[in-house]
Amino acid sequence: MLVIGLTGGIGMGKSEAARHFAVRCVPVFNADACVHDLYEGEAVAAIEAAFPGVTSGGKVDRQKLSQQISGAPERLKQLEEIVHPRVVAAEIEFLRAQDAKGEPMAVLEIPLLFETGAHQRVDVTIVLSAPEAVQRERVLARPNMTADKLEHLLARQLPDAEKRARADYVVDSALPLSAMHAELDRLIESLRGRQGAVMERLRSK
């Protein structure tokens, strides 16, 4: 089975690309959704112990957590040390389940794919990319988004140009949706039949 890493900066269209993979019956693991689940379940106790007062009703209050880690890289690292191993474990469980079903490929949708070293856990990488003006227009149109918030989010991400340079494949998400879907379809077909090394390593463990 081929393991595909799908990423892109905020507002670059990776969620739409992930939806299209799913429409084409390629299973997709969403890292953000996994973190959301962890914030409502498995990771709650550990996060409360490390960041007292950030949970209520058995869930992590994202706004309170954000206040504790904002401008404190060491606190962010502490949070990542709690969350990332759990996300990786969920990824592995997902991949093994898809492999057992005989799926030819599976997608890991990971926003910070290169930033967190997750590109080392996939066989090929796909980056969604659009011009900066398009990206900013999309993101600033979101509810409660401000220019300051956007700059803070972008500061945590590699520049788009660097993502494109490191990617195996780049998909232009500034295209009309139908054209972007067609580009993804061509890419999916070109990847069919390719075998990857990730599952070989996981099977040997």
Protein backbone atom coordinates (compact mmCIF):
# COMPACT_ATOMS: atom_id res chain seq x y z
CA MET A 1 0.00 0.00 0.00
CA LEU A 2 1.20 3.50 -0.86
CA VAL A 3 1.05 6.07 1.96
CA ILE A 4 0.44 9.61 0.71
CA GLY A 5 1.13 12.71 2.79
CA LEU A 6 -1.21 15.58 1.91
CA THR A 7 -0.45 19.08 3.15
CA GLY A 8 -0.45 22.77 2.39
CA GLY A 9 -0.52 26.06 4.25
CA ILE A 10 -3.66 27.44 5.82
CA GLY A 11 -6.26 28.31 3.18
CA MET A 12 -4.44 26.39 0.45
CA GLY A 13 -7.20 23.86 -0.21
CA LYS A 14 -5.91 20.69 1.42
CA SER A 15 -9.30 19.93 2.99
CA GLU A 16 -11.00 20.12 -0.40
CA ALA A 17 -8.29 17.88 -1.85
CA ALA A 18 -8.79 15.40 0.99
CA ARG A 19 -12.53 15.36 0.31
CA HIS A 20 -11.83 14.58 -3.33
CA PHE A 21 -9.57 11.67 -2.41
CA ALA A 22 -12.40 10.33 -0.25
CA VAL A 23 -14.88 10.76 -3.12
CA ARG A 24 -12.50 8.67 -5.24
CA CYS A 25 -12.65 5.99 -2.52
CA VAL A 26 -9.12 6.63 -1.23
CA PRO A 27 -9.23 6.43 2.60
CA VAL A 28 -8.12 9.61 4.37
CA PHE A 29 -6.80 10.15 7.90
CA ASN A 30 -7.35 13.72 9.12
CA ALA A 31 -4.75 14.72 11.72
CA ASP A 32 -6.70 17.82 12.81
CA ALA A 33 -9.83 15.73 13.42
CA CYS A 34 -7.72 13.29 15.42
CA VAL A 35 -6.43 16.13 17.63
CA HIS A 36 -10.01 17.33 18.10
CA ASP A 37 -10.99 13.85 19.30
CA LEU A 38 -7.99 13.73 21.63
CA TYR A 39 -9.02 17.09 23.13
CA GLU A 40 -12.38 15.53 24.00
CA GLY A 41 -11.07 12.17 25.19
CA GLU A 42 -7.76 10.39 25.57
CA ALA A 43 -5.49 13.43 25.98
CA VAL A 44 -7.69 15.50 28.30
CA ALA A 45 -6.22 14.29 31.60
CA ALA A 46 -2.62 14.68 30.45
CA ILE A 47 -3.26 18.18 29.09
CA GLU A 48 -5.04 19.28 32.29
CA ALA A 49 -2.11 17.98 34.35
CA ALA A 50 0.37 19.95 32.26
CA PHE A 51 -1.81 23.03 31.82
CA PRO A 52 -4.08 23.33 34.88
CA GLY A 53 -7.40 25.04 34.26
CA VAL A 54 -7.64 24.56 30.48
CA THR A 55 -10.33 21.88 30.58
CA SER A 56 -14.00 21.98 31.47
CA GLY A 57 -16.73 19.40 31.17
CA GLY A 58 -14.19 16.73 30.35
CA LYS A 59 -12.93 18.59 27.27
CA VAL A 60 -10.02 20.88 26.46
CA ASP A 61 -11.07 24.52 26.10
CA ARG A 62 -9.00 25.52 23.07
CA GLN A 63 -9.19 29.24 23.86
CA LYS A 64 -7.84 28.74 27.39
CA LEU A 65 -5.13 26.41 26.10
CA SER A 66 -4.15 28.90 23.43
CA GLN A 67 -3.78 31.61 26.09
CA GLN A 68 -1.34 29.43 28.03
CA ILE A 69 0.88 28.54 25.07
CA SER A 70 0.72 31.84 23.15
CA GLY A 71 4.19 33.34 22.91
CA ALA A 72 5.70 30.46 24.90
CA PRO A 73 7.54 28.05 22.58
CA GLU A 74 8.54 25.78 25.47
CA ARG A 75 4.88 25.39 26.46
CA LEU A 76 3.90 24.64 22.87
CA LYS A 77 6.60 21.98 22.76
CA GLN A 78 5.22 20.50 25.99
CA LEU A 79 1.77 20.27 24.39
CA GLU A 80 3.20 18.67 21.26
CA GLU A 81 4.95 16.04 23.36
CA ILE A 82 1.55 15.06 24.75
CA VAL A 83 -0.41 15.15 21.51
CA HIS A 84 1.94 14.06 18.72
CA PRO A 85 2.67 10.51 19.95
CA ARG A 86 -1.07 9.88 20.25
CA VAL A 87 -1.68 11.19 16.73
CA VAL A 88 1.09 8.98 15.34
CA ALA A 89 -0.38 5.95 17.12
CA ALA A 90 -3.77 6.73 15.57
CA GLU A 91 -2.14 7.11 12.14
CA ILE A 92 -0.49 3.70 12.44
CA GLU A 93 -3.76 2.10 13.53
CA PHE A 94 -5.51 3.69 10.53
CA LEU A 95 -2.83 2.55 8.06
CA ARG A 96 -2.80 -1.01 9.37
CA ALA A 97 -6.60 -1.16 9.08
CA GLN A 98 -6.52 0.05 5.47
CA ASP A 99 -3.69 -2.31 4.60
CA ALA A 100 -5.66 -5.22 6.06
CA LYS A 101 -8.59 -4.27 3.80
CA GLY A 102 -6.30 -4.46 0.78
CA GLU A 103 -6.46 -0.76 -0.04
CA PRO A 104 -3.89 0.20 -2.70
CA MET A 105 -3.27 3.65 -1.19
CA ALA A 106 -4.20 5.80 1.79
CA VAL A 107 -3.84 9.50 2.57
CA LEU A 108 -2.59 11.17 5.74
CA GLU A 109 -3.88 14.77 5.74
CA ILE A 110 -1.40 16.56 8.01
CA PRO A 111 -1.26 20.39 8.05
CA LEU A 112 2.26 20.54 9.54
CA LEU A 113 3.61 17.57 7.57
CA PHE A 114 7.13 18.92 7.02
CA GLU A 115 7.28 21.04 10.17
CA THR A 116 6.71 18.03 12.47
CA GLY A 117 8.82 15.54 10.50
CA ALA A 118 5.72 13.57 9.49
CA HIS A 119 6.98 13.49 5.88
CA GLN A 120 9.32 10.73 7.06
CA ARG A 121 6.24 8.54 7.74
CA VAL A 122 4.85 8.69 4.18
CA ASP A 123 5.96 7.43 0.78
CA VAL A 124 5.04 10.48 -1.32
CA THR A 125 4.08 14.06 -0.48
CA ILE A 126 1.48 16.28 -2.15
CA VAL A 127 1.35 20.00 -1.45
CA LEU A 128 -1.67 22.19 -2.24
CA SER A 129 -0.55 25.65 -3.23
CA ALA A 130 -2.06 28.97 -4.34
CA PRO A 131 -0.74 32.53 -4.68
CA GLU A 132 -0.37 34.46 -1.43
CA ALA A 133 -3.15 36.90 -2.35
CA VAL A 134 -5.58 34.01 -2.88
CA GLN A 135 -4.53 32.40 0.40
CA ARG A 136 -5.00 35.61 2.39
CA GLU A 137 -8.39 36.34 0.82
CA ARG A 138 -9.64 32.84 1.66
CA VAL A 139 -8.41 32.84 5.25
CA LEU A 140 -9.47 36.39 6.12
CA ALA A 141 -12.99 35.53 4.94
CA ARG A 142 -13.29 32.99 7.75
CA PRO A 143 -15.36 33.88 10.82
CA ASN A 144 -13.39 35.55 13.65
CA MET A 145 -10.19 35.61 11.58
CA THR A 146 -7.98 38.69 11.73
CA ALA A 147 -4.78 39.72 10.00
CA ASP A 148 -2.90 39.30 13.30
CA LYS A 149 -4.25 35.78 13.79
CA LEU A 150 -3.29 34.89 10.24
CA GLU A 151 0.27 36.14 10.72
CA HIS A 152 0.54 34.11 13.93
CA LEU A 153 -0.62 30.95 12.11
CA LEU A 154 1.69 31.54 9.16
CA ALA A 155 4.65 31.97 11.53
CA ARG A 156 4.23 28.34 12.63
CA GLN A 157 4.25 27.06 9.05
CA LEU A 158 7.01 26.69 6.49
CA PRO A 159 6.75 29.23 3.68
CA ASP A 160 4.73 27.97 0.72
CA ALA A 161 7.76 28.13 -1.55
CA GLU A 162 9.68 25.80 0.74
CA LYS A 163 6.77 23.36 0.92
CA ARG A 164 6.58 23.30 -2.88
CA ALA A 165 10.33 22.71 -3.13
CA ARG A 166 10.15 19.74 -0.75
CA ALA A 167 7.02 18.17 -2.23
CA ASP A 168 6.96 15.24 -4.62
CA TYR A 169 3.84 16.70 -6.25
CA VAL A 170 2.31 20.19 -6.20
CA VAL A 171 -1.37 20.79 -6.98
CA ASP A 172 -2.52 24.30 -7.94
CA SER A 173 -5.53 25.03 -5.73
CA ALA A 174 -6.11 28.43 -7.32
CA LEU A 175 -7.58 26.59 -10.30
CA PRO A 176 -11.36 26.35 -10.67
CA LEU A 177 -12.60 23.44 -8.54
CA SER A 178 -13.33 21.22 -11.52
CA ALA A 179 -9.82 21.74 -12.89
CA MET A 180 -8.22 21.04 -9.51
CA HIS A 181 -10.27 17.85 -9.20
CA ALA A 182 -9.15 16.79 -12.68
CA GLU A 183 -5.52 17.40 -11.69
CA LEU A 184 -6.01 15.28 -8.58
CA ASP A 185 -7.65 12.53 -10.65
CA ARG A 186 -4.63 12.40 -12.94
CA LEU A 187 -2.35 12.24 -9.93
CA ILE A 188 -4.38 9.45 -8.30
CA GLU A 189 -4.23 7.40 -11.50
CA SER A 190 -0.47 7.95 -11.83
CA LEU A 191 0.03 6.66 -8.27
CA ARG A 192 -2.09 3.53 -8.63
CA GLY A 193 0.00 0.38 -8.54
CA ARG A 194 2.95 2.01 -6.81
CA GLN A 195 4.19 0.28 -3.71
CA GLY A 196 5.64 2.11 -0.75
CA ALA A 197 8.12 1.32 1.99
CA VAL A 198 6.10 2.67 4.93
CA MET A 199 3.78 -0.31 5.23
CA GLU A 200 6.68 -2.73 4.78
CA ARG A 201 8.30 -1.20 7.84
CA LEU A 202 5.06 -1.27 9.82
CA ARG A 203 4.39 -4.90 8.91
CA SER A 204 7.82 -5.88 10.20
CA LYS A 205 7.17 -4.34 13.63
